Amino acid sequence: MPVEIKELHIRVTVNAAEGSSSNQQTPGSGKNSDADRQAIIAECVEQVLDIVQNKSER
């Protein structure tokens, strides 16, 4: 009998390596362009709406 996984939780912790190059962005550094920020926001909104729609179908 197959097992169906209905929900999967993934937790990731990312640590920057010491001595990393100085061209990497740090949170809040403001180096993202407005277009990049808007694209990220649009993708996040789309994924959240998909999740909400999938949960309402159950």
PDB file of N, CA and C in Angstrom:
ATOM      1  N   MET A   1       0.846  -1.180   0.000  1.00  0.00           N
ATOM      2  CA  MET A   1       0.000   0.000   0.000  1.00  0.00           C
ATOM      3  C   MET A   1       0.893   1.245   0.000  1.00  0.00           C
ATOM      4  N   PRO A   2       0.687   2.164  -0.957  1.00  0.00           N
ATOM      5  CA  PRO A   2       1.536   3.358  -1.027  1.00  0.00           C
ATOM      6  C   PRO A   2       1.242   4.330   0.119  1.00  0.00           C
ATOM      7  N   VAL A   3       2.250   5.096   0.476  1.00  0.00           N
ATOM      8  CA  VAL A   3       2.121   6.102   1.529  1.00  0.00           C
ATOM      9  C   VAL A   3       1.999   7.466   0.865  1.00  0.00           C
ATOM     10  N   GLU A   4       1.001   8.224   1.253  1.00  0.00           N
ATOM     11  CA  GLU A   4       0.791   9.559   0.697  1.00  0.00           C
ATOM     12  C   GLU A   4       1.228  10.601   1.723  1.00  0.00           C
ATOM     13  N   ILE A   5       2.129  11.492   1.306  1.00  0.00           N
ATOM     14  CA  ILE A   5       2.590  12.575   2.172  1.00  0.00           C
ATOM     15  C   ILE A   5       1.787  13.812   1.809  1.00  0.00           C
ATOM     16  N   LYS A   6       0.988  14.302   2.745  1.00  0.00           N
ATOM     17  CA  LYS A   6       0.131  15.447   2.470  1.00  0.00           C
ATOM     18  C   LYS A   6       0.793  16.771   2.823  1.00  0.00           C
ATOM     19  N   GLU A   7       1.752  16.737   3.713  1.00  0.00           N
ATOM     20  CA  GLU A   7       2.386  17.978   4.131  1.00  0.00           C
ATOM     21  C   GLU A   7       3.842  17.691   4.472  1.00  0.00           C
ATOM     22  N   LEU A   8       4.722  18.571   4.055  1.00  0.00           N
ATOM     23  CA  LEU A   8       6.144  18.390   4.288  1.00  0.00           C
ATOM     24  C   LEU A   8       6.713  19.690   4.825  1.00  0.00           C
ATOM     25  N   HIS A   9       7.378  19.623   5.955  1.00  0.00           N
ATOM     26  CA  HIS A   9       8.000  20.803   6.558  1.00  0.00           C
ATOM     27  C   HIS A   9       9.511  20.673   6.409  1.00  0.00           C
ATOM     28  N   ILE A  10      10.133  21.732   5.892  1.00  0.00           N
ATOM     29  CA  ILE A  10      11.581  21.742   5.709  1.00  0.00           C
ATOM     30  C   ILE A  10      12.137  22.972   6.406  1.00  0.00           C
ATOM     31  N   ARG A  11      13.144  22.769   7.237  1.00  0.00           N
ATOM     32  CA  ARG A  11      13.796  23.886   7.918  1.00  0.00           C
ATOM     33  C   ARG A  11      15.256  23.901   7.478  1.00  0.00           C
ATOM     34  N   VAL A  12      15.738  25.077   7.084  1.00  0.00           N
ATOM     35  CA  VAL A  12      17.106  25.220   6.615  1.00  0.00           C
ATOM     36  C   VAL A  12      17.773  26.340   7.391  1.00  0.00           C
ATOM     37  N   THR A  13      18.998  26.111   7.821  1.00  0.00           N
ATOM     38  CA  THR A  13      19.789  27.144   8.469  1.00  0.00           C
ATOM     39  C   THR A  13      21.017  27.384   7.610  1.00  0.00           C
ATOM     40  N   VAL A  14      21.215  28.641   7.220  1.00  0.00           N
ATOM     41  CA  VAL A  14      22.339  28.991   6.363  1.00  0.00           C
ATOM     42  C   VAL A  14      23.272  29.893   7.148  1.00  0.00           C
ATOM     43  N   ASN A  15      24.521  29.509   7.223  1.00  0.00           N
ATOM     44  CA  ASN A  15      25.541  30.315   7.892  1.00  0.00           C
ATOM     45  C   ASN A  15      26.575  30.736   6.864  1.00  0.00           C
ATOM     46  N   ALA A  16      26.924  32.006   6.876  1.00  0.00           N
ATOM     47  CA  ALA A  16      27.946  32.497   5.962  1.00  0.00           C
ATOM     48  C   ALA A  16      29.307  32.001   6.437  1.00  0.00           C
ATOM     49  N   ALA A  17      30.132  31.579   5.509  1.00  0.00           N
ATOM     50  CA  ALA A  17      31.470  31.108   5.858  1.00  0.00           C
ATOM     51  C   ALA A  17      32.337  32.297   6.246  1.00  0.00           C
ATOM     52  N   GLU A  18      33.199  32.097   7.223  1.00  0.00           N
ATOM     53  CA  GLU A  18      34.091  33.176   7.633  1.00  0.00           C
ATOM     54  C   GLU A  18      35.076  33.454   6.512  1.00  0.00           C
ATOM     55  N   GLY A  19      35.438  34.724   6.364  1.00  0.00           N
ATOM     56  CA  GLY A  19      36.387  35.099   5.328  1.00  0.00           C
ATOM     57  C   GLY A  19      35.770  35.111   3.949  1.00  0.00           C
ATOM     58  N   SER A  20      34.454  35.244   3.872  1.00  0.00           N
ATOM     59  CA  SER A  20      33.798  35.264   2.569  1.00  0.00           C
ATOM     60  C   SER A  20      34.133  36.561   1.853  1.00  0.00           C
ATOM     61  N   SER A  21      33.958  36.576   0.557  1.00  0.00           N
ATOM     62  CA  SER A  21      34.305  37.756  -0.232  1.00  0.00           C
ATOM     63  C   SER A  21      33.418  38.931   0.140  1.00  0.00           C
ATOM     64  N   SER A  22      33.935  40.124  -0.048  1.00  0.00           N
ATOM     65  CA  SER A  22      33.233  41.331   0.389  1.00  0.00           C
ATOM     66  C   SER A  22      32.113  41.743  -0.554  1.00  0.00           C
ATOM     67  N   ASN A  23      31.986  41.114  -1.728  1.00  0.00           N
ATOM     68  CA  ASN A  23      30.933  41.508  -2.657  1.00  0.00           C
ATOM     69  C   ASN A  23      29.606  40.827  -2.370  1.00  0.00           C
ATOM     70  N   GLN A  24      29.563  39.943  -1.377  1.00  0.00           N
ATOM     71  CA  GLN A  24      28.299  39.315  -1.021  1.00  0.00           C
ATOM     72  C   GLN A  24      27.449  40.298  -0.252  1.00  0.00           C
ATOM     73  N   GLN A  25      26.142  40.210  -0.470  1.00  0.00           N
ATOM     74  CA  GLN A  25      25.219  41.126   0.180  1.00  0.00           C
ATOM     75  C   GLN A  25      24.897  40.650   1.579  1.00  0.00           C
ATOM     76  N   THR A  26      24.705  41.594   2.456  1.00  0.00           N
ATOM     77  CA  THR A  26      24.250  41.282   3.794  1.00  0.00           C
ATOM     78  C   THR A  26      22.812  41.748   3.914  1.00  0.00           C
ATOM     79  N   PRO A  27      22.033  41.152   4.791  1.00  0.00           N
ATOM     80  CA  PRO A  27      20.642  41.582   4.938  1.00  0.00           C
ATOM     81  C   PRO A  27      20.567  43.068   5.260  1.00  0.00           C
ATOM     82  N   GLY A  28      19.715  43.756   4.523  1.00  0.00           N
ATOM     83  CA  GLY A  28      19.532  45.181   4.768  1.00  0.00           C
ATOM     84  C   GLY A  28      20.581  46.055   4.121  1.00  0.00           C
ATOM     85  N   SER A  29      21.418  45.498   3.248  1.00  0.00           N
ATOM     86  CA  SER A  29      22.468  46.305   2.642  1.00  0.00           C
ATOM     87  C   SER A  29      21.925  47.225   1.558  1.00  0.00           C
ATOM     88  N   GLY A  30      20.721  46.957   1.041  1.00  0.00           N
ATOM     89  CA  GLY A  30      20.100  47.840   0.060  1.00  0.00           C
ATOM     90  C   GLY A  30      20.699  47.740  -1.321  1.00  0.00           C
ATOM     91  N   LYS A  31      21.351  46.641  -1.657  1.00  0.00           N
ATOM     92  CA  LYS A  31      21.980  46.517  -2.963  1.00  0.00           C
ATOM     93  C   LYS A  31      21.055  45.919  -4.016  1.00  0.00           C
ATOM     94  N   ASN A  32      19.875  45.432  -3.622  1.00  0.00           N
ATOM     95  CA  ASN A  32      18.922  44.897  -4.594  1.00  0.00           C
ATOM     96  C   ASN A  32      18.235  46.050  -5.299  1.00  0.00           C
ATOM     97  N   SER A  33      18.068  45.910  -6.605  1.00  0.00           N
ATOM     98  CA  SER A  33      17.351  46.942  -7.330  1.00  0.00           C
ATOM     99  C   SER A  33      15.858  46.812  -7.044  1.00  0.00           C
ATOM    100  N   ASP A  34      15.127  47.865  -7.330  1.00  0.00           N
ATOM    101  CA  ASP A  34      13.684  47.855  -7.084  1.00  0.00           C
ATOM    102  C   ASP A  34      13.000  46.784  -7.928  1.00  0.00           C
ATOM    103  N   ALA A  35      13.485  46.577  -9.155  1.00  0.00           N
ATOM    104  CA  ALA A  35      12.894  45.555 -10.026  1.00  0.00           C
ATOM    105  C   ALA A  35      13.111  44.157  -9.441  1.00  0.00           C
ATOM    106  N   ASP A  36      14.306  43.907  -8.901  1.00  0.00           N
ATOM    107  CA  ASP A  36      14.572  42.607  -8.270  1.00  0.00           C
ATOM    108  C   ASP A  36      13.659  42.399  -7.080  1.00  0.00           C
ATOM    109  N   ARG A  37      13.505  43.427  -6.279  1.00  0.00           N
ATOM    110  CA  ARG A  37      12.665  43.339  -5.082  1.00  0.00           C
ATOM    111  C   ARG A  37      11.217  43.061  -5.476  1.00  0.00           C
ATOM    112  N   GLN A  38      10.724  43.744  -6.491  1.00  0.00           N
ATOM    113  CA  GLN A  38       9.346  43.545  -6.941  1.00  0.00           C
ATOM    114  C   GLN A  38       9.154  42.138  -7.504  1.00  0.00           C
ATOM    115  N   ALA A  39      10.155  41.613  -8.205  1.00  0.00           N
ATOM    116  CA  ALA A  39      10.059  40.257  -8.750  1.00  0.00           C
ATOM    117  C   ALA A  39      10.008  39.227  -7.627  1.00  0.00           C
ATOM    118  N   ILE A  40      10.810  39.441  -6.594  1.00  0.00           N
ATOM    119  CA  ILE A  40      10.807  38.525  -5.452  1.00  0.00           C
ATOM    120  C   ILE A  40       9.462  38.568  -4.748  1.00  0.00           C
ATOM    121  N   ILE A  41       8.933  39.764  -4.546  1.00  0.00           N
ATOM    122  CA  ILE A  41       7.636  39.915  -3.881  1.00  0.00           C
ATOM    123  C   ILE A  41       6.538  39.246  -4.696  1.00  0.00           C
ATOM    124  N   ALA A  42       6.549  39.448  -6.014  1.00  0.00           N
ATOM    125  CA  ALA A  42       5.529  38.847  -6.875  1.00  0.00           C
ATOM    126  C   ALA A  42       5.590  37.321  -6.808  1.00  0.00           C
ATOM    127  N   GLU A  43       6.788  36.762  -6.820  1.00  0.00           N
ATOM    128  CA  GLU A  43       6.943  35.304  -6.736  1.00  0.00           C
ATOM    129  C   GLU A  43       6.445  34.782  -5.394  1.00  0.00           C
ATOM    130  N   CYS A  44       6.761  35.492  -4.320  1.00  0.00           N
ATOM    131  CA  CYS A  44       6.300  35.075  -2.988  1.00  0.00           C
ATOM    132  C   CYS A  44       4.780  35.110  -2.897  1.00  0.00           C
ATOM    133  N   VAL A  45       4.179  36.167  -3.413  1.00  0.00           N
ATOM    134  CA  VAL A  45       2.721  36.288  -3.381  1.00  0.00           C
ATOM    135  C   VAL A  45       2.088  35.151  -4.170  1.00  0.00           C
ATOM    136  N   GLU A  46       2.655  34.839  -5.330  1.00  0.00           N
ATOM    137  CA  GLU A  46       2.113  33.755  -6.155  1.00  0.00           C
ATOM    138  C   GLU A  46       2.192  32.416  -5.418  1.00  0.00           C
ATOM    139  N   GLN A  47       3.311  32.155  -4.763  1.00  0.00           N
ATOM    140  CA  GLN A  47       3.455  30.898  -4.039  1.00  0.00           C
ATOM    141  C   GLN A  47       2.508  30.822  -2.852  1.00  0.00           C
ATOM    142  N   VAL A  48       2.321  31.932  -2.146  1.00  0.00           N
ATOM    143  CA  VAL A  48       1.397  31.945  -1.010  1.00  0.00           C
ATOM    144  C   VAL A  48      -0.029  31.702  -1.484  1.00  0.00           C
ATOM    145  N   LEU A  49      -0.423  32.338  -2.586  1.00  0.00           N
ATOM    146  CA  LEU A  49      -1.770  32.131  -3.116  1.00  0.00           C
ATOM    147  C   LEU A  49      -1.976  30.679  -3.545  1.00  0.00           C
ATOM    148  N   ASP A  50      -0.950  30.058  -4.135  1.00  0.00           N
ATOM    149  CA  ASP A  50      -1.046  28.642  -4.503  1.00  0.00           C
ATOM    150  C   ASP A  50      -1.242  27.768  -3.269  1.00  0.00           C
ATOM    151  N   ILE A  51      -0.503  28.061  -2.210  1.00  0.00           N
ATOM    152  CA  ILE A  51      -0.626  27.283  -0.971  1.00  0.00           C
ATOM    153  C   ILE A  51      -2.020  27.434  -0.385  1.00  0.00           C
ATOM    154  N   VAL A  52      -2.524  28.669  -0.342  1.00  0.00           N
ATOM    155  CA  VAL A  52      -3.861  28.913   0.211  1.00  0.00           C
ATOM    156  C   VAL A  52      -4.914  28.191  -0.619  1.00  0.00           C
ATOM    157  N   GLN A  53      -4.776  28.238  -1.938  1.00  0.00           N
ATOM    158  CA  GLN A  53      -5.739  27.566  -2.810  1.00  0.00           C
ATOM    159  C   GLN A  53      -5.689  26.052  -2.603  1.00  0.00           C
ATOM    160  N   ASN A  54      -4.493  25.488  -2.488  1.00  0.00           N
ATOM    161  CA  ASN A  54      -4.363  24.044  -2.265  1.00  0.00           C
ATOM    162  C   ASN A  54      -4.972  23.636  -0.931  1.00  0.00           C
ATOM    163  N   LYS A  55      -4.781  24.439   0.099  1.00  0.00           N
ATOM    164  CA  LYS A  55      -5.345  24.113   1.412  1.00  0.00           C
ATOM    165  C   LYS A  55      -6.868  24.219   1.403  1.00  0.00           C
ATOM    166  N   SER A  56      -7.417  25.161   0.625  1.00  0.00           N
ATOM    167  CA  SER A  56      -8.871  25.310   0.589  1.00  0.00           C
ATOM    168  C   SER A  56      -9.528  24.183  -0.211  1.00  0.00           C
ATOM    169  N   GLU A  57      -8.776  23.534  -1.101  1.00  0.00           N
ATOM    170  CA  GLU A  57      -9.314  22.423  -1.888  1.00  0.00           C
ATOM    171  C   GLU A  57      -9.429  21.144  -1.066  1.00  0.00           C
ATOM    172  N   ARG A  58      -8.697  21.058   0.019  1.00  0.00           N
ATOM    173  CA  ARG A  58      -8.703  19.837   0.844  1.00  0.00           C
ATOM    174  C   ARG A  58      -9.969  19.673   1.600  1.00  0.00           C
TER     175      ARG A  58
END
